[in-house]
């Protein structure tokens, strides 16, 4: 598995290609991908996602991906590292809480395959920002560095806003940082049930089990076990929509007792069994 790195806070790349390397690879940085023109399939962490002109994707560090193109395609890439979020210029613009929320929101991108643009106004704004970045990067007029930095900040903030639209209703900008860190911990350990036991999580965060339950409900609107279940079912939905995995394979990957356990739980929370959900998604 090849792994790519960058050696500056961010970099802008424009490519027009007839084909892309089909060897899956990973990054050590965030990569924002805007489809200026073209169509095809992007494969991300085993999921296949159709793309077309105007779609916007965000890959997080350690995501595995590659493209297959239908036609000649024009890509805009904005690559940025953790250094970008922590660098002095960014720190002067935003509070520590804001930066931590931004890190959390961007870190959730890999759990939402497909185009990240949900707000209608942003679908019109993003192409203008991309065009501005490309022109500034090419023209390099007076203060072009400062203009590019401002446009990059704006574009990444718009991406974060659209990702935030799909977060749980109460997990918004006013959510306490520890609540965001708790959710991040759960998502990072969703494949390790033993790490999600209440006593283990409470010890990890240095609080009591009873306080953990009260705190989580207060800041997310649901108890922690319900959140874990709903998050796992969201991952099931993603695999049903974007992969060819069999139901028993999904059940094993996400540590359900067996396929029947997954079927019962999915029907209880989603009103239909996984097979019916897959068929419905295929014709939507």
C-alpha atoms as a PDB file:
ATOM      1  CA  UNK A   1       0.000   0.000   0.000  1.00  0.00           C
ATOM      2  CA  UNK A   2       1.527   3.307  -1.070  1.00  0.00           C
ATOM      3  CA  UNK A   3       1.223   6.288   1.294  1.00  0.00           C
ATOM      4  CA  UNK A   4       1.556   9.921   0.221  1.00  0.00           C
ATOM      5  CA  UNK A   5       2.804  12.848   2.320  1.00  0.00           C
ATOM      6  CA  UNK A   6       2.891  16.621   2.038  1.00  0.00           C
ATOM      7  CA  UNK A   7       5.568  18.882   3.501  1.00  0.00           C
ATOM      8  CA  UNK A   8       3.724  22.179   3.922  1.00  0.00           C
ATOM      9  CA  UNK A   9       0.486  23.220   5.679  1.00  0.00           C
ATOM     10  CA  UNK A  10      -1.521  22.990   2.434  1.00  0.00           C
ATOM     11  CA  UNK A  11      -1.040  22.624  -1.306  1.00  0.00           C
ATOM     12  CA  UNK A  12      -3.239  23.158  -4.364  1.00  0.00           C
ATOM     13  CA  UNK A  13      -3.170  20.782  -7.335  1.00  0.00           C
ATOM     14  CA  UNK A  14      -5.088  20.871 -10.625  1.00  0.00           C
ATOM     15  CA  UNK A  15      -5.149  17.822 -12.901  1.00  0.00           C
ATOM     16  CA  UNK A  16      -6.858  16.998 -16.181  1.00  0.00           C
ATOM     17  CA  UNK A  17      -6.546  13.269 -16.936  1.00  0.00           C
ATOM     18  CA  UNK A  18      -7.994  10.487 -19.075  1.00  0.00           C
ATOM     19  CA  UNK A  19      -7.274   7.798 -16.484  1.00  0.00           C
ATOM     20  CA  UNK A  20      -6.141   7.523 -12.879  1.00  0.00           C
ATOM     21  CA  UNK A  21      -3.907   5.013 -11.132  1.00  0.00           C
ATOM     22  CA  UNK A  22      -6.093   2.107  -9.995  1.00  0.00           C
ATOM     23  CA  UNK A  23      -3.744   1.055  -7.201  1.00  0.00           C
ATOM     24  CA  UNK A  24      -5.385   1.897  -3.838  1.00  0.00           C
ATOM     25  CA  UNK A  25      -3.313   4.305  -1.770  1.00  0.00           C
ATOM     26  CA  UNK A  26      -3.463   6.277   1.478  1.00  0.00           C
ATOM     27  CA  UNK A  27      -2.558   9.796   2.612  1.00  0.00           C
ATOM     28  CA  UNK A  28      -1.173  11.181   5.849  1.00  0.00           C
ATOM     29  CA  UNK A  29      -3.189  14.365   5.268  1.00  0.00           C
ATOM     30  CA  UNK A  30      -6.700  15.592   4.460  1.00  0.00           C
ATOM     31  CA  UNK A  31      -7.490  15.800   0.741  1.00  0.00           C
ATOM     32  CA  UNK A  32     -10.371  17.865  -0.561  1.00  0.00           C
ATOM     33  CA  UNK A  33     -11.363  16.807  -4.102  1.00  0.00           C
ATOM     34  CA  UNK A  34     -13.642  18.900  -6.310  1.00  0.00           C
ATOM     35  CA  UNK A  35     -14.773  17.546  -9.690  1.00  0.00           C
ATOM     36  CA  UNK A  36     -14.446  20.519 -12.048  1.00  0.00           C
ATOM     37  CA  UNK A  37     -15.681  18.376 -14.921  1.00  0.00           C
ATOM     38  CA  UNK A  38     -16.085  14.649 -15.552  1.00  0.00           C
ATOM     39  CA  UNK A  39     -17.560  11.493 -14.049  1.00  0.00           C
ATOM     40  CA  UNK A  40     -16.630   8.044 -12.808  1.00  0.00           C
ATOM     41  CA  UNK A  41     -16.363   5.982  -9.636  1.00  0.00           C
ATOM     42  CA  UNK A  42     -14.336   6.647  -6.519  1.00  0.00           C
ATOM     43  CA  UNK A  43     -13.517   3.690  -4.275  1.00  0.00           C
ATOM     44  CA  UNK A  44     -13.085   4.671  -0.619  1.00  0.00           C
ATOM     45  CA  UNK A  45     -12.450   2.135   2.144  1.00  0.00           C
ATOM     46  CA  UNK A  46     -14.212  -0.587   0.170  1.00  0.00           C
ATOM     47  CA  UNK A  47     -17.207   1.568  -0.831  1.00  0.00           C
ATOM     48  CA  UNK A  48     -17.870   2.523  -4.474  1.00  0.00           C
ATOM     49  CA  UNK A  49     -19.264   6.027  -5.010  1.00  0.00           C
ATOM     50  CA  UNK A  50     -20.380   7.548  -8.321  1.00  0.00           C
ATOM     51  CA  UNK A  51     -19.171  11.092  -8.963  1.00  0.00           C
ATOM     52  CA  UNK A  52     -19.896  13.771 -11.542  1.00  0.00           C
ATOM     53  CA  UNK A  53     -19.219  17.442 -12.247  1.00  0.00           C
ATOM     54  CA  UNK A  54     -19.714  19.610  -9.152  1.00  0.00           C
ATOM     55  CA  UNK A  55     -19.225  16.850  -6.572  1.00  0.00           C
ATOM     56  CA  UNK A  56     -16.995  17.490  -3.578  1.00  0.00           C
ATOM     57  CA  UNK A  57     -15.262  14.825  -1.491  1.00  0.00           C
ATOM     58  CA  UNK A  58     -13.042  14.958   1.566  1.00  0.00           C
ATOM     59  CA  UNK A  59     -10.625  12.134   2.319  1.00  0.00           C
ATOM     60  CA  UNK A  60      -9.271  11.911   5.853  1.00  0.00           C
ATOM     61  CA  UNK A  61      -5.826  10.617   6.861  1.00  0.00           C
ATOM     62  CA  UNK A  62      -5.515   6.834   6.444  1.00  0.00           C
ATOM     63  CA  UNK A  63      -8.498   6.544   4.069  1.00  0.00           C
ATOM     64  CA  UNK A  64      -7.762   4.126   1.222  1.00  0.00           C
ATOM     65  CA  UNK A  65      -9.029   5.184  -2.205  1.00  0.00           C
ATOM     66  CA  UNK A  66      -8.623   5.209  -5.979  1.00  0.00           C
ATOM     67  CA  UNK A  67     -10.604   6.391  -9.043  1.00  0.00           C
ATOM     68  CA  UNK A  68     -12.009   4.876 -12.216  1.00  0.00           C
ATOM     69  CA  UNK A  69     -12.961   7.454 -14.861  1.00  0.00           C
ATOM     70  CA  UNK A  70     -15.764   7.367 -17.434  1.00  0.00           C
ATOM     71  CA  UNK A  71     -14.413  10.323 -19.425  1.00  0.00           C
ATOM     72  CA  UNK A  72     -11.576  12.834 -19.351  1.00  0.00           C
ATOM     73  CA  UNK A  73     -11.889  14.465 -15.934  1.00  0.00           C
ATOM     74  CA  UNK A  74     -10.663  17.716 -14.421  1.00  0.00           C
ATOM     75  CA  UNK A  75      -9.815  17.529 -10.703  1.00  0.00           C
ATOM     76  CA  UNK A  76      -9.111  20.234  -8.128  1.00  0.00           C
ATOM     77  CA  UNK A  77      -7.213  18.953  -5.086  1.00  0.00           C
ATOM     78  CA  UNK A  78      -6.666  20.867  -1.860  1.00  0.00           C
ATOM     79  CA  UNK A  79      -4.390  18.944   0.454  1.00  0.00           C
ATOM     80  CA  UNK A  80      -3.895  20.108   4.031  1.00  0.00           C
ATOM     81  CA  UNK A  81      -2.365  18.613   7.153  1.00  0.00           C
ATOM     82  CA  UNK A  82      -2.922  18.816  10.874  1.00  0.00           C
ATOM     83  CA  UNK A  83      -0.233  21.492  10.799  1.00  0.00           C
ATOM     84  CA  UNK A  84      -2.653  23.696   8.866  1.00  0.00           C
ATOM     85  CA  UNK A  85      -5.247  23.525  11.649  1.00  0.00           C
ATOM     86  CA  UNK A  86      -2.660  24.292  14.325  1.00  0.00           C
ATOM     87  CA  UNK A  87      -0.409  26.799  12.576  1.00  0.00           C
ATOM     88  CA  UNK A  88      -0.032  30.287  14.040  1.00  0.00           C
ATOM     89  CA  UNK A  89      -2.066  32.116  11.391  1.00  0.00           C
ATOM     90  CA  UNK A  90      -5.037  29.799  11.884  1.00  0.00           C
ATOM     91  CA  UNK A  91      -4.679  29.926  15.668  1.00  0.00           C
ATOM     92  CA  UNK A  92      -4.919  33.726  15.583  1.00  0.00           C
ATOM     93  CA  UNK A  93      -8.179  33.571  13.632  1.00  0.00           C
ATOM     94  CA  UNK A  94     -10.017  30.992  15.703  1.00  0.00           C
ATOM     95  CA  UNK A  95     -10.380  29.856  19.306  1.00  0.00           C
ATOM     96  CA  UNK A  96      -9.010  26.543  20.557  1.00  0.00           C
ATOM     97  CA  UNK A  97     -12.556  25.191  20.968  1.00  0.00           C
ATOM     98  CA  UNK A  98     -13.339  26.094  17.359  1.00  0.00           C
ATOM     99  CA  UNK A  99     -10.210  24.312  16.095  1.00  0.00           C
ATOM    100  CA  UNK A 100     -11.034  21.199  18.110  1.00  0.00           C
ATOM    101  CA  UNK A 101     -14.574  21.177  16.734  1.00  0.00           C
ATOM    102  CA  UNK A 102     -13.164  21.623  13.229  1.00  0.00           C
ATOM    103  CA  UNK A 103     -10.841  18.643  13.714  1.00  0.00           C
ATOM    104  CA  UNK A 104     -13.750  16.533  14.932  1.00  0.00           C
ATOM    105  CA  UNK A 105     -16.051  17.543  12.067  1.00  0.00           C
ATOM    106  CA  UNK A 106     -13.413  16.982   9.398  1.00  0.00           C
ATOM    107  CA  UNK A 107     -12.585  13.640  10.980  1.00  0.00           C
ATOM    108  CA  UNK A 108     -16.167  12.524  10.358  1.00  0.00           C
ATOM    109  CA  UNK A 109     -15.916  12.957   6.608  1.00  0.00           C
ATOM    110  CA  UNK A 110     -14.822   9.370   5.994  1.00  0.00           C
ATOM    111  CA  UNK A 111     -18.044   8.121   7.616  1.00  0.00           C
ATOM    112  CA  UNK A 112     -20.192   9.918   5.036  1.00  0.00           C
ATOM    113  CA  UNK A 113     -19.225   8.716   1.549  1.00  0.00           C
ATOM    114  CA  UNK A 114     -20.511  10.676  -1.408  1.00  0.00           C
ATOM    115  CA  UNK A 115     -20.672  14.374  -2.252  1.00  0.00           C
ATOM    116  CA  UNK A 116     -20.352  16.552   0.851  1.00  0.00           C
ATOM    117  CA  UNK A 117     -22.298  19.529  -0.489  1.00  0.00           C
ATOM    118  CA  UNK A 118     -25.778  19.523   1.052  1.00  0.00           C
ATOM    119  CA  UNK A 119     -26.547  23.264   1.283  1.00  0.00           C
ATOM    120  CA  UNK A 120     -27.901  24.629  -2.022  1.00  0.00           C
ATOM    121  CA  UNK A 121     -26.115  27.973  -1.634  1.00  0.00           C
ATOM    122  CA  UNK A 122     -22.779  26.231  -1.068  1.00  0.00           C
ATOM    123  CA  UNK A 123     -23.175  24.276  -4.309  1.00  0.00           C
ATOM    124  CA  UNK A 124     -22.978  27.636  -6.076  1.00  0.00           C
ATOM    125  CA  UNK A 125     -20.309  29.148  -3.825  1.00  0.00           C
ATOM    126  CA  UNK A 126     -17.756  26.327  -3.961  1.00  0.00           C
ATOM    127  CA  UNK A 127     -17.135  26.483  -7.752  1.00  0.00           C
ATOM    128  CA  UNK A 128     -16.424  30.229  -7.433  1.00  0.00           C
ATOM    129  CA  UNK A 129     -13.946  29.597  -4.595  1.00  0.00           C
ATOM    130  CA  UNK A 130     -12.211  26.838  -6.544  1.00  0.00           C
ATOM    131  CA  UNK A 131     -11.954  29.081  -9.605  1.00  0.00           C
ATOM    132  CA  UNK A 132     -10.563  31.895  -7.457  1.00  0.00           C
ATOM    133  CA  UNK A 133      -7.954  29.621  -5.890  1.00  0.00           C
ATOM    134  CA  UNK A 134      -6.781  28.339  -9.260  1.00  0.00           C
ATOM    135  CA  UNK A 135      -6.499  31.869 -10.694  1.00  0.00           C
ATOM    136  CA  UNK A 136      -4.644  33.206  -7.638  1.00  0.00           C
ATOM    137  CA  UNK A 137      -2.283  30.213  -7.630  1.00  0.00           C
ATOM    138  CA  UNK A 138      -1.535  30.721 -11.328  1.00  0.00           C
ATOM    139  CA  UNK A 139      -1.399  34.539 -11.441  1.00  0.00           C
ATOM    140  CA  UNK A 140       0.580  35.086  -8.224  1.00  0.00           C
ATOM    141  CA  UNK A 141      -0.251  38.773  -8.023  1.00  0.00           C
ATOM    142  CA  UNK A 142       0.554  41.041  -5.069  1.00  0.00           C
ATOM    143  CA  UNK A 143      -0.560  39.469  -1.759  1.00  0.00           C
ATOM    144  CA  UNK A 144      -1.536  36.269  -3.564  1.00  0.00           C
ATOM    145  CA  UNK A 145      -0.351  34.199  -0.583  1.00  0.00           C
ATOM    146  CA  UNK A 146      -2.645  36.014   1.826  1.00  0.00           C
ATOM    147  CA  UNK A 147      -5.608  35.797  -0.590  1.00  0.00           C
ATOM    148  CA  UNK A 148      -5.043  32.067  -1.126  1.00  0.00           C
ATOM    149  CA  UNK A 149      -4.887  31.451   2.639  1.00  0.00           C
ATOM    150  CA  UNK A 150      -8.193  33.272   3.154  1.00  0.00           C
ATOM    151  CA  UNK A 151      -9.877  31.341   0.330  1.00  0.00           C
ATOM    152  CA  UNK A 152      -8.531  28.032   1.686  1.00  0.00           C
ATOM    153  CA  UNK A 153      -9.872  28.859   5.151  1.00  0.00           C
ATOM    154  CA  UNK A 154     -13.269  29.720   3.671  1.00  0.00           C
ATOM    155  CA  UNK A 155     -13.458  26.568   1.553  1.00  0.00           C
ATOM    156  CA  UNK A 156     -12.531  24.258   4.431  1.00  0.00           C
ATOM    157  CA  UNK A 157     -15.021  26.004   6.733  1.00  0.00           C
ATOM    158  CA  UNK A 158     -17.783  25.477   4.136  1.00  0.00           C
ATOM    159  CA  UNK A 159     -16.883  21.790   3.962  1.00  0.00           C
ATOM    160  CA  UNK A 160     -17.022  21.551   7.764  1.00  0.00           C
ATOM    161  CA  UNK A 161     -20.428  23.266   7.771  1.00  0.00           C
ATOM    162  CA  UNK A 162     -21.859  20.762   5.322  1.00  0.00           C
ATOM    163  CA  UNK A 163     -20.462  17.799   7.258  1.00  0.00           C
ATOM    164  CA  UNK A 164     -21.914  19.274  10.459  1.00  0.00           C
ATOM    165  CA  UNK A 165     -25.384  19.279   8.849  1.00  0.00           C
ATOM    166  CA  UNK A 166     -25.290  15.475   9.010  1.00  0.00           C
ATOM    167  CA  UNK A 167     -24.128  15.204  12.619  1.00  0.00           C
ATOM    168  CA  UNK A 168     -26.623  14.355  15.394  1.00  0.00           C
ATOM    169  CA  UNK A 169     -29.043  17.243  15.905  1.00  0.00           C
ATOM    170  CA  UNK A 170     -27.638  18.357  19.255  1.00  0.00           C
ATOM    171  CA  UNK A 171     -23.968  17.987  18.309  1.00  0.00           C
ATOM    172  CA  UNK A 172     -23.562  21.502  16.950  1.00  0.00           C
ATOM    173  CA  UNK A 173     -21.164  24.372  17.436  1.00  0.00           C
ATOM    174  CA  UNK A 174     -22.235  24.934  21.047  1.00  0.00           C
ATOM    175  CA  UNK A 175     -21.447  21.365  22.074  1.00  0.00           C
ATOM    176  CA  UNK A 176     -18.774  21.045  24.756  1.00  0.00           C
ATOM    177  CA  UNK A 177     -15.384  19.885  23.557  1.00  0.00           C
ATOM    178  CA  UNK A 178     -15.389  16.776  25.780  1.00  0.00           C
ATOM    179  CA  UNK A 179     -18.663  15.652  24.213  1.00  0.00           C
ATOM    180  CA  UNK A 180     -17.066  15.901  20.775  1.00  0.00           C
ATOM    181  CA  UNK A 181     -14.061  13.964  22.045  1.00  0.00           C
ATOM    182  CA  UNK A 182     -16.362  11.282  23.463  1.00  0.00           C
ATOM    183  CA  UNK A 183     -18.069  10.894  20.092  1.00  0.00           C
ATOM    184  CA  UNK A 184     -14.729  10.775  18.345  1.00  0.00           C
ATOM    185  CA  UNK A 185     -13.552   8.075  20.785  1.00  0.00           C
ATOM    186  CA  UNK A 186     -16.679   6.003  20.100  1.00  0.00           C
ATOM    187  CA  UNK A 187     -16.261   6.305  16.342  1.00  0.00           C
ATOM    188  CA  UNK A 188     -12.574   5.424  16.481  1.00  0.00           C
ATOM    189  CA  UNK A 189     -13.306   2.304  18.565  1.00  0.00           C
ATOM    190  CA  UNK A 190     -16.567   1.219  16.939  1.00  0.00           C
ATOM    191  CA  UNK A 191     -14.934  -2.031  15.779  1.00  0.00           C
ATOM    192  CA  UNK A 192     -13.740  -2.853  19.327  1.00  0.00           C
ATOM    193  CA  UNK A 193     -16.802  -3.391  21.580  1.00  0.00           C
ATOM    194  CA  UNK A 194     -14.667  -3.994  24.651  1.00  0.00           C
ATOM    195  CA  UNK A 195     -13.315  -0.450  24.355  1.00  0.00           C
ATOM    196  CA  UNK A 196     -16.869   0.970  24.349  1.00  0.00           C
ATOM    197  CA  UNK A 197     -17.996  -0.461  27.684  1.00  0.00           C
ATOM    198  CA  UNK A 198     -19.109   2.406  29.909  1.00  0.00           C
ATOM    199  CA  UNK A 199     -16.531   1.693  32.604  1.00  0.00           C
ATOM    200  CA  UNK A 200     -13.709   1.669  30.024  1.00  0.00           C
ATOM    201  CA  UNK A 201     -14.842   4.942  28.439  1.00  0.00           C
ATOM    202  CA  UNK A 202     -15.296   6.587  31.838  1.00  0.00           C
ATOM    203  CA  UNK A 203     -11.792   5.557  32.896  1.00  0.00           C
ATOM    204  CA  UNK A 204     -10.375   6.851  29.603  1.00  0.00           C
ATOM    205  CA  UNK A 205     -11.862  10.300  30.282  1.00  0.00           C
ATOM    206  CA  UNK A 206     -11.236  10.323  34.021  1.00  0.00           C
ATOM    207  CA  UNK A 207     -14.896  10.539  35.071  1.00  0.00           C
ATOM    208  CA  UNK A 208     -17.378   8.280  36.826  1.00  0.00           C
ATOM    209  CA  UNK A 209     -19.717   5.972  34.935  1.00  0.00           C
ATOM    210  CA  UNK A 210     -22.792   7.754  36.277  1.00  0.00           C
ATOM    211  CA  UNK A 211     -21.464  11.183  35.273  1.00  0.00           C
ATOM    212  CA  UNK A 212     -20.545   9.828  31.835  1.00  0.00           C
ATOM    213  CA  UNK A 213     -24.144   8.788  31.216  1.00  0.00           C
ATOM    214  CA  UNK A 214     -25.614  12.109  32.364  1.00  0.00           C
ATOM    215  CA  UNK A 215     -23.046  14.172  30.494  1.00  0.00           C
ATOM    216  CA  UNK A 216     -23.418  12.265  27.214  1.00  0.00           C
ATOM    217  CA  UNK A 217     -27.215  12.522  27.233  1.00  0.00           C
ATOM    218  CA  UNK A 218     -27.111  16.235  28.097  1.00  0.00           C
ATOM    219  CA  UNK A 219     -24.819  17.110  25.176  1.00  0.00           C
ATOM    220  CA  UNK A 220     -26.081  14.701  22.497  1.00  0.00           C
ATOM    221  CA  UNK A 221     -29.747  14.165  23.348  1.00  0.00           C
ATOM    222  CA  UNK A 222     -29.481  10.363  23.611  1.00  0.00           C
ATOM    223  CA  UNK A 223     -27.843   7.849  25.891  1.00  0.00           C
ATOM    224  CA  UNK A 224     -24.443   6.495  24.924  1.00  0.00           C
ATOM    225  CA  UNK A 225     -25.565   2.949  24.097  1.00  0.00           C
ATOM    226  CA  UNK A 226     -28.276   4.237  21.746  1.00  0.00           C
ATOM    227  CA  UNK A 227     -25.698   6.446  20.061  1.00  0.00           C
ATOM    228  CA  UNK A 228     -23.335   3.483  19.595  1.00  0.00           C
ATOM    229  CA  UNK A 229     -26.151   1.367  18.138  1.00  0.00           C
ATOM    230  CA  UNK A 230     -27.326   4.111  15.781  1.00  0.00           C
ATOM    231  CA  UNK A 231     -23.786   4.827  14.644  1.00  0.00           C
ATOM    232  CA  UNK A 232     -23.153   1.145  13.898  1.00  0.00           C
ATOM    233  CA  UNK A 233     -26.413   1.001  11.938  1.00  0.00           C
ATOM    234  CA  UNK A 234     -25.341   4.071   9.981  1.00  0.00           C
ATOM    235  CA  UNK A 235     -22.169   2.201   9.012  1.00  0.00           C
ATOM    236  CA  UNK A 236     -24.339  -0.767   8.027  1.00  0.00           C
ATOM    237  CA  UNK A 237     -26.397   1.532   5.782  1.00  0.00           C
ATOM    238  CA  UNK A 238     -23.241   2.847   4.111  1.00  0.00           C
ATOM    239  CA  UNK A 239     -22.071  -0.688   3.327  1.00  0.00           C
ATOM    240  CA  UNK A 240     -25.494  -1.664   2.032  1.00  0.00           C
ATOM    241  CA  UNK A 241     -25.568   1.366  -0.266  1.00  0.00           C
ATOM    242  CA  UNK A 242     -21.968   1.510  -1.433  1.00  0.00           C
ATOM    243  CA  UNK A 243     -20.512  -2.007  -1.295  1.00  0.00           C
ATOM    244  CA  UNK A 244     -21.234  -5.563  -2.401  1.00  0.00           C
ATOM    245  CA  UNK A 245     -20.617  -7.020   1.065  1.00  0.00           C
ATOM    246  CA  UNK A 246     -22.988  -9.789   2.124  1.00  0.00           C
ATOM    247  CA  UNK A 247     -25.145  -9.230   5.213  1.00  0.00           C
ATOM    248  CA  UNK A 248     -23.221 -11.822   7.232  1.00  0.00           C
ATOM    249  CA  UNK A 249     -19.926 -10.116   6.289  1.00  0.00           C
ATOM    250  CA  UNK A 250     -21.254  -6.760   7.491  1.00  0.00           C
ATOM    251  CA  UNK A 251     -22.463  -8.367  10.716  1.00  0.00           C
ATOM    252  CA  UNK A 252     -19.029  -9.896  11.345  1.00  0.00           C
ATOM    253  CA  UNK A 253     -17.137  -6.679  10.565  1.00  0.00           C
ATOM    254  CA  UNK A 254     -19.243  -4.615  12.965  1.00  0.00           C
ATOM    255  CA  UNK A 255     -19.277  -7.259  15.697  1.00  0.00           C
ATOM    256  CA  UNK A 256     -22.964  -8.168  15.715  1.00  0.00           C
ATOM    257  CA  UNK A 257     -23.581 -11.581  17.267  1.00  0.00           C
ATOM    258  CA  UNK A 258     -24.620 -12.977  13.890  1.00  0.00           C
ATOM    259  CA  UNK A 259     -26.650 -12.077  10.801  1.00  0.00           C
ATOM    260  CA  UNK A 260     -29.991 -12.632  12.535  1.00  0.00           C
ATOM    261  CA  UNK A 261     -28.963 -10.254  15.334  1.00  0.00           C
ATOM    262  CA  UNK A 262     -28.180  -7.558  12.762  1.00  0.00           C
ATOM    263  CA  UNK A 263     -31.478  -8.224  10.950  1.00  0.00           C
ATOM    264  CA  UNK A 264     -33.511  -7.861  14.164  1.00  0.00           C
ATOM    265  CA  UNK A 265     -31.749  -4.695  15.294  1.00  0.00           C
ATOM    266  CA  UNK A 266     -31.855  -3.068  11.859  1.00  0.00           C
ATOM    267  CA  UNK A 267     -35.570  -3.768  11.499  1.00  0.00           C
ATOM    268  CA  UNK A 268     -36.253  -2.427  15.000  1.00  0.00           C
ATOM    269  CA  UNK A 269     -34.478   0.894  14.336  1.00  0.00           C
ATOM    270  CA  UNK A 270     -35.009   1.283  10.574  1.00  0.00           C
ATOM    271  CA  UNK A 271     -38.385  -0.386  10.040  1.00  0.00           C
ATOM    272  CA  UNK A 272     -37.125  -2.897   7.458  1.00  0.00           C
ATOM    273  CA  UNK A 273     -34.464  -5.579   7.195  1.00  0.00           C
ATOM    274  CA  UNK A 274     -31.052  -4.866   5.592  1.00  0.00           C
ATOM    275  CA  UNK A 275     -31.901  -6.660   2.324  1.00  0.00           C
ATOM    276  CA  UNK A 276     -35.008  -4.530   1.842  1.00  0.00           C
ATOM    277  CA  UNK A 277     -33.025  -1.387   2.625  1.00  0.00           C
ATOM    278  CA  UNK A 278     -30.424  -2.330  -0.007  1.00  0.00           C
ATOM    279  CA  UNK A 279     -33.099  -2.914  -2.652  1.00  0.00           C
ATOM    280  CA  UNK A 280     -34.801   0.392  -1.802  1.00  0.00           C
ATOM    281  CA  UNK A 281     -31.472   2.277  -1.977  1.00  0.00           C
ATOM    282  CA  UNK A 282     -30.675   0.719  -5.368  1.00  0.00           C
ATOM    283  CA  UNK A 283     -33.794   2.190  -6.998  1.00  0.00           C
ATOM    284  CA  UNK A 284     -33.717   5.550  -5.202  1.00  0.00           C
END
